[in-house]
């Protein structure tokens, strides 16, 4: 297994190995982390963050120069809603796990003063890698007057902090605090930008079933190449083909060669499989599915 506290450095490796080591690193640290019990606590902090996009780990896979994003300022709830996106990245010797997602009135009830039509929850985890602690926070924001603004004044859900981030346990947000207003809006909009980008890309989730998972960008050809050594089902003689698009085509009738039937473009192949000890799931671009009317 990877050194829990050490990212990869600049070693060259094949992309399959990069995925394996990065997943190993993230999953092991989350599984071994000790959730702090002081103050407010999530039921299980490790399970409250969805599939994570790893950023800034200096691995063969993680190349920030190849990333592109939509302008966050141009994304509004009318453009993208609902959304849900999680990132994990190292910061000053710690890791931050950030999940921002649209939430319902029932999810915000009891934690907000008002409930606008569009509301988002911001969950932040501060992880000390190497079997350390996991601290968690949660905030709520609402779409008002063209911006996401905090709507949980005086009801800040918080677990524990230290001197590096200041003592936020007694924080009471002021509606006119420009710095915090901007931070809340920027945080939600950036997550929406990443989620909007993800709508156009293939992804594979690698990790532990019902536990931590890491999200990687891919495509059908890349998936077949990287996961060619995936486990073969015990009851099968061969591995099932992975999820891919089958182009529209004409098919000859089996008993009447002169007859043909039209087959629409469709998805075919396995979406879930085992690979190097991990549970994996392939997800086609949501945009393609909506455009074609094809079910995942």
Protein backbone atom coordinates (compact mmCIF):
# COMPACT_ATOMS: atom_id res chain seq x y z
CA UNK A 1 0.00 0.00 0.00
CA UNK A 2 1.04 3.64 -0.44
CA UNK A 3 2.67 5.72 2.28
CA UNK A 4 -0.45 7.24 3.83
CA UNK A 5 1.05 10.67 4.42
CA UNK A 6 3.03 11.05 1.19
CA UNK A 7 1.69 12.03 -2.28
CA UNK A 8 3.35 10.57 -5.33
CA UNK A 9 6.00 13.10 -6.28
CA UNK A 10 7.15 13.27 -9.90
CA UNK A 11 7.72 9.57 -10.64
CA UNK A 12 6.58 8.41 -14.07
CA UNK A 13 4.21 5.48 -14.11
CA UNK A 14 1.47 4.03 -16.24
CA UNK A 15 -1.96 5.56 -15.72
CA UNK A 16 -3.42 2.34 -14.34
CA UNK A 17 -0.82 2.28 -11.59
CA UNK A 18 -1.40 5.99 -10.95
CA UNK A 19 -5.12 5.34 -10.43
CA UNK A 20 -4.39 2.38 -8.16
CA UNK A 21 -1.94 4.28 -5.96
CA UNK A 22 -4.00 7.47 -5.77
CA UNK A 23 -7.14 5.52 -4.87
CA UNK A 24 -5.17 3.51 -2.32
CA UNK A 25 -3.87 6.72 -0.76
CA UNK A 26 -7.25 8.49 -0.52
CA UNK A 27 -9.33 5.49 0.56
CA UNK A 28 -6.85 4.31 3.20
CA UNK A 29 -6.59 7.74 4.79
CA UNK A 30 -10.36 8.20 4.96
CA UNK A 31 -10.97 4.71 6.33
CA UNK A 32 -8.26 5.06 8.99
CA UNK A 33 -9.12 8.64 9.98
CA UNK A 34 -10.49 9.20 13.48
CA UNK A 35 -13.58 11.47 13.35
CA UNK A 36 -13.41 14.03 16.13
CA UNK A 37 -16.31 13.92 18.57
CA UNK A 38 -16.17 17.44 20.01
CA UNK A 39 -19.12 19.64 19.12
CA UNK A 40 -21.32 18.83 16.16
CA UNK A 41 -20.49 15.56 14.40
CA UNK A 42 -21.66 13.93 11.21
CA UNK A 43 -23.17 10.49 11.67
CA UNK A 44 -20.20 9.08 9.78
CA UNK A 45 -17.96 11.76 8.22
CA UNK A 46 -16.27 9.29 5.88
CA UNK A 47 -19.59 8.45 4.24
CA UNK A 48 -20.93 12.00 3.84
CA UNK A 49 -18.66 12.87 0.91
CA UNK A 50 -19.51 11.49 -2.51
CA UNK A 51 -17.05 10.29 -5.17
CA UNK A 52 -14.03 12.59 -4.88
CA UNK A 53 -12.14 14.36 -7.63
CA UNK A 54 -8.46 14.31 -6.52
CA UNK A 55 -6.65 17.60 -7.17
CA UNK A 56 -3.05 18.62 -6.53
CA UNK A 57 -1.55 15.24 -5.55
CA UNK A 58 1.24 15.49 -8.18
CA UNK A 59 0.44 12.05 -9.51
CA UNK A 60 0.79 10.85 -13.09
CA UNK A 61 -2.99 11.06 -13.35
CA UNK A 62 -3.53 14.50 -11.83
CA UNK A 63 -2.52 17.12 -14.41
CA UNK A 64 -4.13 20.45 -13.59
CA UNK A 65 -2.81 21.94 -16.86
CA UNK A 66 -5.23 19.74 -18.79
CA UNK A 67 -8.31 20.80 -16.83
CA UNK A 68 -10.81 23.22 -18.24
CA UNK A 69 -13.78 24.82 -16.51
CA UNK A 70 -16.80 26.90 -17.29
CA UNK A 71 -16.75 30.44 -15.93
CA UNK A 72 -18.29 30.13 -12.44
CA UNK A 73 -19.79 33.61 -12.73
CA UNK A 74 -21.92 32.43 -15.65
CA UNK A 75 -23.40 29.48 -13.76
CA UNK A 76 -26.72 30.07 -12.03
CA UNK A 77 -29.36 27.68 -10.69
CA UNK A 78 -31.26 28.21 -13.93
CA UNK A 79 -28.30 26.74 -15.84
CA UNK A 80 -27.48 23.81 -13.56
CA UNK A 81 -29.66 22.41 -10.81
CA UNK A 82 -29.48 20.09 -8.93
CA UNK A 83 -25.73 19.47 -8.57
CA UNK A 84 -23.38 17.52 -6.29
CA UNK A 85 -19.58 17.61 -6.43
CA UNK A 86 -16.74 16.60 -4.10
CA UNK A 87 -13.01 17.32 -4.32
CA UNK A 88 -10.06 16.24 -2.17
CA UNK A 89 -6.76 18.09 -2.21
CA UNK A 90 -3.68 18.59 0.02
CA UNK A 91 -3.26 21.97 1.76
CA UNK A 92 -0.36 22.81 4.10
CA UNK A 93 0.21 19.25 5.26
CA UNK A 94 -3.49 18.46 5.64
CA UNK A 95 -6.18 17.39 3.21
CA UNK A 96 -9.42 19.21 2.52
CA UNK A 97 -12.46 17.26 1.39
CA UNK A 98 -15.05 19.67 0.00
CA UNK A 99 -18.55 18.62 -0.98
CA UNK A 100 -21.05 21.19 -2.20
CA UNK A 101 -24.49 20.13 -3.32
CA UNK A 102 -28.03 21.35 -3.80
CA UNK A 103 -30.27 20.55 -0.85
CA UNK A 104 -33.99 20.42 -0.18
CA UNK A 105 -36.10 22.30 2.33
CA UNK A 106 -36.30 19.24 4.55
CA UNK A 107 -32.48 18.95 4.62
CA UNK A 108 -32.11 22.62 5.59
CA UNK A 109 -34.97 22.71 8.11
CA UNK A 110 -33.76 23.69 11.57
CA UNK A 111 -30.45 25.08 10.33
CA UNK A 112 -31.48 28.13 8.31
CA UNK A 113 -33.36 31.34 9.04
CA UNK A 114 -34.90 31.50 5.58
CA UNK A 115 -35.39 29.00 2.77
CA UNK A 116 -34.96 30.44 -0.74
CA UNK A 117 -36.01 28.40 -3.75
CA UNK A 118 -32.41 27.30 -4.40
CA UNK A 119 -30.30 26.18 -1.44
CA UNK A 120 -26.92 24.48 -1.23
CA UNK A 121 -25.03 22.77 1.55
CA UNK A 122 -21.27 23.12 1.92
CA UNK A 123 -19.51 20.27 3.73
CA UNK A 124 -15.82 20.58 4.54
CA UNK A 125 -13.57 17.95 6.07
CA UNK A 126 -10.07 18.66 7.39
CA UNK A 127 -8.09 15.43 7.34
CA UNK A 128 -4.70 14.83 8.91
CA UNK A 129 -3.23 12.07 6.69
CA UNK A 130 -1.37 9.08 8.06
CA UNK A 131 -4.09 7.80 10.41
CA UNK A 132 -4.86 11.23 11.84
CA UNK A 133 -8.11 12.99 12.65
CA UNK A 134 -11.00 14.16 10.49
CA UNK A 135 -12.66 17.44 11.42
CA UNK A 136 -15.93 18.41 9.77
CA UNK A 137 -18.00 21.53 9.17
CA UNK A 138 -21.19 22.28 7.31
CA UNK A 139 -22.76 25.50 6.06
CA UNK A 140 -25.91 26.42 4.15
CA UNK A 141 -26.26 28.98 1.36
CA UNK A 142 -29.23 30.28 -0.60
CA UNK A 143 -29.57 31.92 -4.02
CA UNK A 144 -30.66 35.51 -3.40
CA UNK A 145 -30.29 38.57 -5.63
CA UNK A 146 -27.98 36.82 -8.06
CA UNK A 147 -25.58 35.43 -5.44
CA UNK A 148 -25.29 32.51 -3.05
CA UNK A 149 -25.42 33.94 0.45
CA UNK A 150 -25.16 32.29 3.88
CA UNK A 151 -28.57 31.53 5.33
CA UNK A 152 -27.51 29.88 8.59
CA UNK A 153 -26.55 32.99 10.57
CA UNK A 154 -26.17 32.01 14.21
CA UNK A 155 -26.64 28.31 13.41
CA UNK A 156 -23.14 27.48 12.23
CA UNK A 157 -22.75 23.70 12.28
CA UNK A 158 -19.20 23.02 13.37
CA UNK A 159 -17.20 20.19 14.84
CA UNK A 160 -13.74 21.42 15.87
CA UNK A 161 -10.95 23.72 14.71
CA UNK A 162 -7.53 24.76 15.93
CA UNK A 163 -5.35 27.85 15.88
CA UNK A 164 -4.33 27.38 12.24
CA UNK A 165 -7.84 28.24 11.10
CA UNK A 166 -8.93 30.26 14.10
CA UNK A 167 -11.67 29.49 16.62
CA UNK A 168 -14.87 29.37 14.59
CA UNK A 169 -16.96 27.57 17.23
CA UNK A 170 -18.70 30.79 18.27
CA UNK A 171 -18.88 32.36 14.82
CA UNK A 172 -21.94 34.50 14.11
CA UNK A 173 -22.12 35.58 10.49
CA UNK A 174 -23.14 39.16 9.69
CA UNK A 175 -25.17 39.75 6.52
CA UNK A 176 -22.86 42.64 5.59
CA UNK A 177 -19.56 40.75 6.03
CA UNK A 178 -18.28 41.13 2.46
CA UNK A 179 -15.39 38.67 2.84
CA UNK A 180 -17.55 35.78 4.02
CA UNK A 181 -20.29 36.59 1.53
CA UNK A 182 -17.78 36.33 -1.31
CA UNK A 183 -16.26 33.09 0.02
CA UNK A 184 -19.65 31.39 0.22
CA UNK A 185 -20.65 32.46 -3.28
CA UNK A 186 -17.28 31.50 -4.79
CA UNK A 187 -17.31 28.08 -3.09
CA UNK A 188 -20.73 27.08 -4.43
CA UNK A 189 -20.18 28.49 -7.91
CA UNK A 190 -16.83 26.73 -8.33
CA UNK A 191 -18.43 23.42 -7.41
CA UNK A 192 -21.19 24.10 -9.94
CA UNK A 193 -18.52 24.82 -12.57
CA UNK A 194 -16.85 21.45 -11.88
CA UNK A 195 -20.19 19.65 -11.86
CA UNK A 196 -21.20 21.31 -15.14
CA UNK A 197 -17.91 20.21 -16.73
CA UNK A 198 -18.44 16.67 -15.45
CA UNK A 199 -21.73 16.47 -17.36
CA UNK A 200 -19.76 16.19 -20.61
CA UNK A 201 -17.18 13.60 -19.53
CA UNK A 202 -16.96 9.87 -18.93
CA UNK A 203 -15.95 8.94 -15.39
CA UNK A 204 -14.95 5.85 -13.50
CA UNK A 205 -15.44 5.67 -9.73
CA UNK A 206 -12.82 3.53 -7.98
CA UNK A 207 -12.89 2.65 -4.29
CA UNK A 208 -14.90 0.71 -1.75
CA UNK A 209 -18.55 -0.21 -2.19
CA UNK A 210 -20.67 1.85 0.23
CA UNK A 211 -17.47 3.67 1.27
CA UNK A 212 -14.91 6.20 -0.03
CA UNK A 213 -14.54 6.41 -3.80
CA UNK A 214 -12.29 8.44 -6.09
CA UNK A 215 -13.54 9.83 -9.42
CA UNK A 216 -11.35 9.76 -12.54
CA UNK A 217 -12.04 11.17 -15.99
CA UNK A 218 -11.88 8.66 -18.82
CA UNK A 219 -13.55 7.54 -22.05
CA UNK A 220 -14.58 4.13 -23.42
CA UNK A 221 -11.23 3.50 -25.13
CA UNK A 222 -9.25 4.63 -22.11
CA UNK A 223 -11.33 2.48 -19.77
CA UNK A 224 -10.78 -0.64 -21.83
CA UNK A 225 -7.04 0.01 -21.92
CA UNK A 226 -6.53 0.91 -18.25
CA UNK A 227 -8.84 -1.76 -16.82
CA UNK A 228 -7.94 -4.56 -19.20
CA UNK A 229 -6.74 -6.62 -16.21
CA UNK A 230 -10.05 -6.30 -14.34
CA UNK A 231 -11.28 -9.36 -12.48
CA UNK A 232 -13.19 -11.99 -14.40
CA UNK A 233 -16.53 -12.99 -12.82
CA UNK A 234 -16.31 -16.41 -11.17
CA UNK A 235 -19.28 -17.72 -13.15
CA UNK A 236 -18.01 -16.45 -16.52
CA UNK A 237 -15.38 -17.72 -18.93
CA UNK A 238 -14.46 -14.22 -20.08
CA UNK A 239 -14.67 -10.61 -18.94
CA UNK A 240 -17.71 -8.64 -19.98
CA UNK A 241 -17.09 -5.67 -22.29
CA UNK A 242 -17.11 -2.33 -20.50
CA UNK A 243 -19.77 0.31 -21.03
CA UNK A 244 -19.55 1.93 -24.46
CA UNK A 245 -21.68 3.52 -27.14
CA UNK A 246 -22.88 1.38 -30.04
CA UNK A 247 -23.48 3.52 -33.12
CA UNK A 248 -26.79 3.44 -34.92
CA UNK A 249 -26.78 0.83 -37.67
CA UNK A 250 -28.88 -1.47 -39.83
CA UNK A 251 -29.13 -5.10 -38.81
CA UNK A 252 -29.96 -7.95 -41.19
CA UNK A 253 -32.72 -10.30 -40.20
CA UNK A 254 -31.46 -13.75 -39.18
CA UNK A 255 -33.90 -15.74 -41.30
CA UNK A 256 -34.36 -13.21 -44.11
CA UNK A 257 -31.09 -11.69 -45.42
CA UNK A 258 -33.02 -9.24 -47.57
CA UNK A 259 -34.77 -7.71 -44.55
CA UNK A 260 -33.07 -5.12 -42.36
CA UNK A 261 -34.07 -3.35 -39.18
CA UNK A 262 -32.74 -0.05 -37.84
CA UNK A 263 -30.95 -0.12 -34.47
CA UNK A 264 -30.71 3.19 -32.63
CA UNK A 265 -27.53 4.35 -30.94
CA UNK A 266 -27.41 2.77 -27.50
CA UNK A 267 -25.16 1.91 -24.57
CA UNK A 268 -23.89 -1.61 -24.10
CA UNK A 269 -21.52 -3.29 -21.68
CA UNK A 270 -20.85 -3.65 -17.98
CA UNK A 271 -20.92 -0.61 -15.70
CA UNK A 272 -19.59 -2.27 -12.52
CA UNK A 273 -16.55 -4.48 -12.10
CA UNK A 274 -13.71 -5.44 -9.74
CA UNK A 275 -10.16 -4.25 -10.38
CA UNK A 276 -7.03 -4.72 -8.25
CA UNK A 277 -9.10 -5.10 -5.09
CA UNK A 278 -11.35 -2.07 -5.76
CA UNK A 279 -15.01 -1.76 -6.67
CA UNK A 280 -15.35 0.23 -9.90
CA UNK A 281 -18.27 1.84 -11.72
CA UNK A 282 -18.26 3.55 -15.13
CA UNK A 283 -20.55 6.53 -15.74
CA UNK A 284 -21.24 7.96 -19.25
CA UNK A 285 -21.62 11.75 -19.71
CA UNK A 286 -24.96 12.93 -18.38
CA UNK A 287 -25.28 15.35 -21.30
CA UNK A 288 -25.04 12.52 -23.84
CA UNK A 289 -27.65 10.49 -21.99
CA UNK A 290 -30.09 13.41 -21.90
CA UNK A 291 -29.49 14.29 -25.57
CA UNK A 292 -30.00 10.74 -26.80
CA UNK A 293 -32.76 9.80 -24.38
CA UNK A 294 -30.82 6.65 -23.51
CA UNK A 295 -30.99 5.33 -19.96
CA UNK A 296 -27.64 4.91 -18.10
